[in-house]
Structure formats: structure tokens, C-alpha cells
């Protein structure tokens, strides 16, 4: 019997009074304190295509018998030690779960291990990572949680059909995934989102400078012409990965088209006031009873800083929601995913305001 991560119901999300609106929610989620490190991290190096390797961080709970496994996938420009990755891993460790935090190609502890850049559609990397986790602990259920860009990667992986997930993968949770990449790219280019665009461009250019420092023969790209994320996708992402254009990349890699074939219980949590992932992305999706999409009225981009404390005694509603759903995915193992209790968050989406 699993030790409960969450014994209280998941209450509807209401934003903190001091952080109304998507921009303030996004900023609050980023600025509120989070752990700066985890102790006793073990690194695993996972080979992927093109002779690249990924750095996978493992942390074990203090309890002798683990309750389950959580794999975390960071967003664009992030890494395994991004604050939200450490914060959520710490919560699960305290509840007796093994946690893995993936550095996507070249990120974090994986710097110098990968020549190729990662992008929203590089789902082929998740197969070897999940296989390594399965080899380490085939006896425990796995839940994967992907954030933002790599939430899209996770959903694409689950719906492609050509990869075989390990038998102990019991479900997935995607937070604020840009499942319509073209729509999100257009939103990012709005004048009001210029600061977000500049921040991501800075992170992308830094990653490119690291590649040039680590690989003397890394191909040159016109970074001086890159002023927006769209520019980067047009001048770097597309040619680097064999796409015809940024639009071709968006069309081929947006997860929306892969959702009908997702065959594991999957939760998508997003916000209607996310500054650069429009709520239209999540409307009129193809029906799949194994996918539950919850669109809260507020929360920004991975903010979800609540007005009232969660059952854990803090205001991080997103963290609690991930734990709430992870526990249920593990307990149900997909056998009876559609239950009355699983409508609680759905009610939150309609009652919040």
C-alpha cells in the first residue's frame, strides 16, 4: 500500500490576491523561494542518437522502501537544477519517492555531452531515458512530469506510437505545454510579451555559445540576426534539425496532432491567462478518454500561486496538483482512470475566477 502523498482533495485554484493576472502569476511563481540544491545526487549518463549523451540526476528518499518514481523534464532554457525542478523533487523525496531530473541535450550537468540542440519534438530522447530508469528500478511505477516546451515533447512521445514505453510507466502530467507551437510562437511575438521573448532568446544564445566553446567544429549560425524565439527557430532550430522552416518545425512537432494515440493516462494542466501559450491551444482537442485537460482561469505560465494554502501548508498549487495526480496515476495504473474523484480538478477549471 502506498503512503499517501496527498490525503486532502485538490481544491479549485484561486490566484493570490497580490498576484492577479497571468503576468504577475508567472513572475510570482518564478520569484518565490525554492530549494537551491538536493543532497546525494547521482548522475547517470544516457546515450542517445548522434553519439550524444544526456545527464540524468537521481535522488533517493531517506525511507528504505520507495513509493514510486517521478521523472521531471525541464522547460526551454532550463536544466535539472532549475528552481521548480528542485522544489518539486524535494517534495516527492520527502514523501518517499525516487526522483529523476533530466538535463535535455547540453543542459546543466549535460554540458559538453551533446552536440545537437534539443527542441520541442525531440521525443526520441525519452525512450532511452525511460529504459534506463526501468533497468534501475523495474519494480516501481513511474510518473513523468514535463514542463512547458518539454511537456510538448512528452505528449508527442506518448502519442507517436513507434516507441514502446516501459511496462512500469503508469501515467504522465504535462504543465503548460505549447501543444500548438505555431500559435504559441505568434503569441510570444506580441509586443506585451517582448520581455519573455528576450529572456528566452538570451538563454538560447547562451546555449549556442556553450556549443561553440565545447565543440570547435560546431556549425556557424547567424546569431546576430536572432532577435526573437521565432528568429532562432527559423535560423537555427529548423536548419540544425532538418526542418524546412520554423513553420515546418512547428507543424511537425506540435503535440496536438499526437493526442488521439496517447495510450496511457495523461493529465494536462494549463492556464487561460498564460501570457504566451494561448488558451485556444486546448480548446476543441481530439477526444481521448485517457487524457484529461484542465484549463484554470488563472495561473500564468507555471505560476499557480494560490490565494489559500494547500494541504502542504504553502501556496504552491501547481506542486500539490502534480503530487495529487501522480498518486492517483500510480494507484489506478490506468485501469479505471475515469472516476468521479478525477473530476475535482475539472470542477476547478469551471468554478475558478
Protein backbone atom coordinates (compact mmCIF):
# COMPACT_ATOMS: atom_id res chain seq x y z
CA UNK A 1 0.00 0.00 0.00
CA UNK A 2 1.45 3.37 -0.99
CA UNK A 3 1.96 6.01 1.68
CA UNK A 4 -0.33 8.88 0.64
CA UNK A 5 1.37 11.90 -0.85
CA UNK A 6 -1.86 13.84 -0.61
CA UNK A 7 -4.72 12.99 1.69
CA UNK A 8 -6.80 16.11 1.09
CA UNK A 9 -8.91 16.81 -2.01
CA UNK A 10 -7.46 19.02 -4.71
CA UNK A 11 -9.30 22.29 -4.24
CA UNK A 12 -10.04 24.70 -7.09
CA UNK A 13 -7.23 27.11 -7.88
CA UNK A 14 -7.75 30.75 -6.97
CA UNK A 15 -4.85 33.15 -7.56
CA UNK A 16 -3.24 35.05 -4.71
CA UNK A 17 -4.82 38.48 -4.30
CA UNK A 18 -1.42 40.15 -4.66
CA UNK A 19 -0.73 38.32 -7.94
CA UNK A 20 -3.78 38.69 -10.21
CA UNK A 21 -3.40 38.02 -13.91
CA UNK A 22 -1.09 35.87 -15.97
CA UNK A 23 1.99 38.08 -15.87
CA UNK A 24 2.04 38.51 -12.10
CA UNK A 25 1.31 34.81 -11.61
CA UNK A 26 4.20 33.89 -13.89
CA UNK A 27 6.55 36.28 -12.09
CA UNK A 28 5.41 35.15 -8.63
CA UNK A 29 5.96 31.51 -9.48
CA UNK A 30 9.47 32.34 -10.63
CA UNK A 31 10.48 34.61 -7.75
CA UNK A 32 9.10 32.86 -4.67
CA UNK A 33 11.84 30.91 -2.82
CA UNK A 34 12.71 27.37 -3.86
CA UNK A 35 15.45 24.92 -2.79
CA UNK A 36 18.87 25.66 -4.30
CA UNK A 37 20.21 22.10 -4.24
CA UNK A 38 19.49 18.49 -3.35
CA UNK A 39 21.93 16.29 -1.47
CA UNK A 40 23.40 13.00 -2.65
CA UNK A 41 22.55 13.41 -6.33
CA UNK A 42 23.75 10.55 -8.52
CA UNK A 43 24.40 11.19 -12.21
CA UNK A 44 23.58 8.69 -14.93
CA UNK A 45 24.79 9.23 -18.48
CA UNK A 46 22.29 8.03 -21.07
CA UNK A 47 23.41 7.54 -24.71
CA UNK A 48 21.05 8.89 -27.35
CA UNK A 49 21.39 9.49 -31.10
CA UNK A 50 24.39 11.08 -32.86
CA UNK A 51 26.76 9.85 -30.11
CA UNK A 52 25.27 12.40 -27.71
CA UNK A 53 24.65 11.65 -24.05
CA UNK A 54 22.16 13.04 -21.54
CA UNK A 55 22.86 13.68 -17.86
CA UNK A 56 20.12 12.21 -15.67
CA UNK A 57 20.05 13.17 -11.97
CA UNK A 58 18.77 10.62 -9.45
CA UNK A 59 17.89 11.27 -5.82
CA UNK A 60 16.77 8.66 -3.31
CA UNK A 61 14.40 9.26 -0.40
CA UNK A 62 15.51 8.68 3.15
CA UNK A 63 12.98 5.87 3.58
CA UNK A 64 14.15 2.34 2.88
CA UNK A 65 11.21 1.40 0.66
CA UNK A 66 10.37 3.84 -2.13
CA UNK A 67 6.76 4.57 -3.07
CA UNK A 68 7.21 5.34 -6.75
CA UNK A 69 9.38 7.15 -9.30
CA UNK A 70 8.94 10.68 -10.63
CA UNK A 71 10.81 11.80 -13.76
CA UNK A 72 10.92 15.58 -14.31
CA UNK A 73 11.54 17.23 -17.71
CA UNK A 74 12.54 20.91 -17.62
CA UNK A 75 11.37 23.62 -19.99
CA UNK A 76 13.16 25.73 -22.62
CA UNK A 77 16.44 27.18 -21.32
CA UNK A 78 16.17 25.24 -18.06
CA UNK A 79 18.09 22.32 -16.58
CA UNK A 80 17.82 19.70 -13.85
CA UNK A 81 18.68 22.27 -11.16
CA UNK A 82 16.09 24.85 -12.19
CA UNK A 83 14.20 26.01 -9.08
CA UNK A 84 10.90 24.33 -9.95
CA UNK A 85 12.72 21.05 -10.69
CA UNK A 86 14.49 21.06 -7.32
CA UNK A 87 11.39 22.21 -5.45
CA UNK A 88 9.08 19.52 -6.79
CA UNK A 89 11.73 16.81 -6.48
CA UNK A 90 12.27 17.79 -2.82
CA UNK A 91 8.55 17.46 -2.14
CA UNK A 92 8.38 13.98 -3.64
CA UNK A 93 11.58 12.87 -1.89
CA UNK A 94 10.08 13.90 1.44
CA UNK A 95 7.13 11.64 0.68
CA UNK A 96 9.27 8.61 -0.13
CA UNK A 97 9.55 8.78 -3.91
CA UNK A 98 12.67 8.30 -6.03
CA UNK A 99 13.13 11.30 -8.30
CA UNK A 100 14.95 11.69 -11.60
CA UNK A 101 15.60 15.09 -13.20
CA UNK A 102 16.63 15.07 -16.84
CA UNK A 103 19.02 17.53 -18.43
CA UNK A 104 17.98 17.74 -22.06
CA UNK A 105 20.80 17.82 -24.59
CA UNK A 106 23.64 20.05 -23.46
CA UNK A 107 21.76 21.49 -20.47
CA UNK A 108 23.04 21.68 -16.91
CA UNK A 109 25.30 18.79 -15.97
CA UNK A 110 25.00 17.61 -19.57
CA UNK A 111 27.08 20.47 -20.96
CA UNK A 112 29.68 19.17 -23.37
CA UNK A 113 27.97 15.79 -23.75
CA UNK A 114 25.74 16.68 -26.71
CA UNK A 115 26.46 18.42 -29.99
CA UNK A 116 22.84 18.53 -31.09
CA UNK A 117 20.41 21.04 -29.66
CA UNK A 118 17.11 19.84 -28.21
CA UNK A 119 13.72 21.07 -29.35
CA UNK A 120 10.02 20.56 -28.61
CA UNK A 121 9.75 17.49 -30.80
CA UNK A 122 12.88 15.55 -29.81
CA UNK A 123 10.79 12.81 -28.25
CA UNK A 124 13.21 10.09 -29.34
CA UNK A 125 15.36 11.02 -26.36
CA UNK A 126 12.73 9.94 -23.84
CA UNK A 127 12.79 6.26 -24.82
CA UNK A 128 16.41 5.64 -23.73
CA UNK A 129 15.89 7.67 -20.54
CA UNK A 130 12.79 5.72 -19.50
CA UNK A 131 14.52 2.46 -20.40
CA UNK A 132 17.45 3.34 -18.13
CA UNK A 133 15.07 4.08 -15.26
CA UNK A 134 13.26 0.81 -15.91
CA UNK A 135 16.56 -1.09 -15.77
CA UNK A 136 17.40 0.57 -12.46
CA UNK A 137 14.01 0.03 -10.80
CA UNK A 138 11.65 -2.22 -12.76
CA UNK A 139 9.66 -2.88 -9.58
CA UNK A 140 8.33 0.66 -9.09
CA UNK A 141 5.70 2.64 -11.03
CA UNK A 142 6.92 5.69 -12.99
CA UNK A 143 5.13 9.01 -13.50
CA UNK A 144 6.65 11.58 -15.87
CA UNK A 145 6.01 15.29 -15.49
CA UNK A 146 7.04 17.60 -18.34
CA UNK A 147 7.11 21.39 -18.14
CA UNK A 148 6.38 23.87 -20.91
CA UNK A 149 8.36 23.06 -24.09
CA UNK A 150 9.26 19.58 -22.95
CA UNK A 151 5.74 18.95 -21.79
CA UNK A 152 5.04 19.07 -25.52
CA UNK A 153 7.91 16.63 -26.08
CA UNK A 154 6.38 14.26 -23.51
CA UNK A 155 2.94 14.32 -25.11
CA UNK A 156 4.45 13.75 -28.55
CA UNK A 157 6.36 10.74 -27.21
CA UNK A 158 3.22 9.23 -25.72
CA UNK A 159 1.21 9.66 -28.92
CA UNK A 160 3.67 8.75 -31.66
CA UNK A 161 3.11 5.03 -31.44
CA UNK A 162 6.51 3.89 -32.72
CA UNK A 163 8.16 3.86 -29.28
CA UNK A 164 7.29 1.32 -26.61
CA UNK A 165 7.12 2.80 -23.12
CA UNK A 166 8.42 0.63 -20.26
CA UNK A 167 5.81 -1.53 -18.59
CA UNK A 168 6.07 0.37 -15.30
CA UNK A 169 5.23 3.76 -16.85
CA UNK A 170 1.75 4.38 -15.49
CA UNK A 171 0.98 7.96 -16.47
CA UNK A 172 2.11 11.47 -17.36
CA UNK A 173 1.47 15.06 -16.35
CA UNK A 174 2.19 17.99 -18.71
CA UNK A 175 2.31 21.52 -17.29
CA UNK A 176 1.59 24.45 -19.63
CA UNK A 177 2.71 22.61 -22.78
CA UNK A 178 2.71 24.58 -26.07
CA UNK A 179 0.86 21.87 -27.97
CA UNK A 180 0.14 24.29 -30.83
CA UNK A 181 3.68 25.55 -31.44
CA UNK A 182 2.73 27.98 -34.18
CA UNK A 183 0.06 29.60 -32.01
CA UNK A 184 2.48 29.94 -29.10
CA UNK A 185 5.18 31.37 -31.36
CA UNK A 186 2.75 34.00 -32.60
CA UNK A 187 1.74 34.86 -29.02
CA UNK A 188 5.37 35.21 -27.97
CA UNK A 189 5.90 37.83 -30.68
CA UNK A 190 3.22 40.13 -29.31
CA UNK A 191 4.55 43.44 -28.05
CA UNK A 192 3.39 42.79 -24.50
CA UNK A 193 5.43 39.57 -24.39
CA UNK A 194 8.69 41.14 -25.54
CA UNK A 195 10.41 40.65 -22.17
CA UNK A 196 9.62 36.93 -22.17
CA UNK A 197 10.90 36.66 -25.74
CA UNK A 198 14.13 38.47 -24.86
CA UNK A 199 14.72 36.24 -21.87
CA UNK A 200 14.33 33.03 -23.88
CA UNK A 201 16.49 34.40 -26.70
CA UNK A 202 19.20 35.16 -24.15
CA UNK A 203 19.06 31.60 -22.81
CA UNK A 204 19.15 30.14 -26.32
CA UNK A 205 22.13 32.27 -27.34
CA UNK A 206 23.96 31.27 -24.18
CA UNK A 207 23.40 27.61 -25.04
CA UNK A 208 24.79 28.28 -28.52
CA UNK A 209 27.89 29.98 -27.11
CA UNK A 210 28.46 26.92 -24.93
CA UNK A 211 28.29 24.71 -28.01
CA UNK A 212 30.87 26.88 -29.79
CA UNK A 213 33.14 26.71 -26.75
CA UNK A 214 32.76 22.95 -26.33
CA UNK A 215 32.87 21.88 -29.99
CA UNK A 216 35.35 23.67 -32.24
CA UNK A 217 33.65 22.40 -35.39
CA UNK A 218 30.08 23.25 -34.37
CA UNK A 219 28.41 24.74 -37.47
CA UNK A 220 28.09 28.54 -37.61
CA UNK A 221 24.65 30.10 -37.40
CA UNK A 222 23.73 33.79 -37.87
CA UNK A 223 23.05 34.59 -34.21
CA UNK A 224 23.39 38.31 -34.90
CA UNK A 225 20.15 38.03 -36.89
CA UNK A 226 18.29 36.39 -34.00
CA UNK A 227 16.14 38.84 -32.04
CA UNK A 228 13.15 36.61 -31.19
CA UNK A 229 12.48 32.95 -30.44
CA UNK A 230 10.87 32.73 -33.87
CA UNK A 231 14.11 34.02 -35.43
CA UNK A 232 16.03 31.35 -33.54
CA UNK A 233 13.67 28.62 -34.76
CA UNK A 234 13.90 29.92 -38.33
CA UNK A 235 17.69 30.40 -38.44
CA UNK A 236 18.92 27.70 -36.04
CA UNK A 237 16.35 25.10 -34.93
CA UNK A 238 14.98 24.39 -38.41
CA UNK A 239 18.26 24.02 -40.36
CA UNK A 240 20.03 22.29 -37.45
CA UNK A 241 17.39 19.55 -37.32
CA UNK A 242 16.48 19.27 -40.99
CA UNK A 243 13.19 21.16 -41.00
CA UNK A 244 12.34 23.34 -43.98
CA UNK A 245 11.45 26.35 -41.84
CA UNK A 246 10.23 27.36 -38.41
CA UNK A 247 6.68 26.73 -39.64
CA UNK A 248 7.63 23.24 -40.77
CA UNK A 249 9.15 22.56 -37.35
CA UNK A 250 6.00 23.80 -35.60
CA UNK A 251 3.74 21.75 -37.84
CA UNK A 252 5.67 18.51 -37.44
CA UNK A 253 6.35 18.73 -33.71
CA UNK A 254 3.25 20.26 -32.10
CA UNK A 255 1.80 17.62 -29.77
CA UNK A 256 -1.82 18.42 -30.53
CA UNK A 257 -1.84 16.07 -33.54
CA UNK A 258 -0.46 13.16 -31.47
CA UNK A 259 -3.03 13.26 -28.68
CA UNK A 260 -5.52 10.80 -30.26
CA UNK A 261 -2.99 7.95 -29.97
CA UNK A 262 -1.88 8.57 -26.39
CA UNK A 263 -2.45 5.21 -24.68
CA UNK A 264 -1.54 5.99 -21.06
CA UNK A 265 -3.47 8.09 -18.53
CA UNK A 266 -2.32 11.67 -19.05
CA UNK A 267 -3.08 14.95 -17.33
CA UNK A 268 -2.60 18.34 -18.98
CA UNK A 269 -2.74 21.38 -16.70
CA UNK A 270 -2.73 24.84 -18.26
CA UNK A 271 -3.92 28.36 -17.55
CA UNK A 272 -6.26 30.54 -19.58
CA UNK A 273 -4.12 33.61 -18.81
CA UNK A 274 -0.76 32.08 -19.70
CA UNK A 275 1.00 35.02 -21.42
CA UNK A 276 2.42 33.05 -24.34
CA UNK A 277 0.53 29.74 -24.53
CA UNK A 278 -2.97 30.78 -25.66
CA UNK A 279 -5.95 29.02 -24.16
CA UNK A 280 -7.14 28.31 -27.71
CA UNK A 281 -4.45 25.62 -27.85
CA UNK A 282 -6.55 23.48 -25.52
CA UNK A 283 -9.99 24.02 -27.00
CA UNK A 284 -11.65 21.53 -29.35
CA UNK A 285 -8.95 18.89 -28.91
CA UNK A 286 -9.48 15.41 -30.38
CA UNK A 287 -11.26 13.16 -27.91
CA UNK A 288 -9.21 10.65 -25.98
CA UNK A 289 -10.65 9.31 -22.73
CA UNK A 290 -7.16 8.71 -21.35
CA UNK A 291 -6.37 12.43 -21.49
CA UNK A 292 -7.82 14.95 -19.09
CA UNK A 293 -7.21 18.62 -19.90
CA UNK A 294 -7.70 21.18 -17.14
CA UNK A 295 -7.65 24.85 -18.03
CA UNK A 296 -7.79 27.06 -14.95
CA UNK A 297 -8.93 30.66 -15.31
CA UNK A 298 -5.65 31.96 -13.91
CA UNK A 299 -2.16 30.74 -13.04
CA UNK A 300 0.04 32.31 -15.72
CA UNK A 301 2.89 30.26 -17.11
CA UNK A 302 3.83 27.69 -14.46
CA UNK A 303 2.91 30.13 -11.71
CA UNK A 304 -0.25 28.88 -9.96
CA UNK A 305 0.49 30.77 -6.73
CA UNK A 306 -2.68 30.31 -4.72
CA UNK A 307 -4.77 32.60 -2.53
CA UNK A 308 -5.12 29.90 0.13
CA UNK A 309 -2.59 27.40 1.40
CA UNK A 310 -2.58 23.88 0.03
CA UNK A 311 -2.80 20.89 2.34
CA UNK A 312 1.00 21.05 2.46
CA UNK A 313 0.87 24.45 4.14
CA UNK A 314 2.24 26.54 1.27
CA UNK A 315 0.80 28.42 -1.70
CA UNK A 316 2.34 26.31 -4.50
CA UNK A 317 -0.84 24.90 -6.02
CA UNK A 318 0.99 23.53 -9.07
CA UNK A 319 3.29 21.38 -6.95
CA UNK A 320 0.41 19.98 -4.96
CA UNK A 321 -1.61 19.29 -8.13
CA UNK A 322 1.30 17.31 -9.61
CA UNK A 323 1.55 15.22 -6.43
CA UNK A 324 -2.21 14.78 -6.21
CA UNK A 325 -2.39 13.41 -9.73
CA UNK A 326 0.84 11.40 -9.54
CA UNK A 327 -0.52 9.47 -6.59
CA UNK A 328 -3.76 8.69 -8.37
CA UNK A 329 -2.00 7.65 -11.57
CA UNK A 330 0.11 5.21 -9.57
CA UNK A 331 -2.81 3.85 -7.55
CA UNK A 332 -5.09 3.36 -10.52
CA UNK A 333 -2.42 2.32 -13.03
CA UNK A 334 -4.83 3.28 -15.78
CA UNK A 335 -7.32 0.51 -15.05
CA UNK A 336 -10.15 2.86 -14.06
CA UNK A 337 -8.86 6.30 -14.91
CA UNK A 338 -12.21 8.00 -15.33
CA UNK A 339 -13.62 8.18 -11.82
CA UNK A 340 -15.87 10.69 -10.07
CA UNK A 341 -12.96 11.86 -7.90
CA UNK A 342 -10.94 12.69 -11.01
CA UNK A 343 -13.46 15.39 -11.80
CA UNK A 344 -12.30 17.56 -8.87
CA UNK A 345 -9.74 19.46 -10.92
CA UNK A 346 -12.16 19.67 -13.82
CA UNK A 347 -14.54 21.46 -11.49
CA UNK A 348 -11.70 23.79 -10.53
CA UNK A 349 -11.37 24.84 -14.13
CA UNK A 350 -15.00 25.89 -14.35
CA UNK A 351 -15.52 27.35 -10.87
CA UNK A 352 -12.29 29.29 -10.51
CA UNK A 353 -12.48 33.01 -11.04
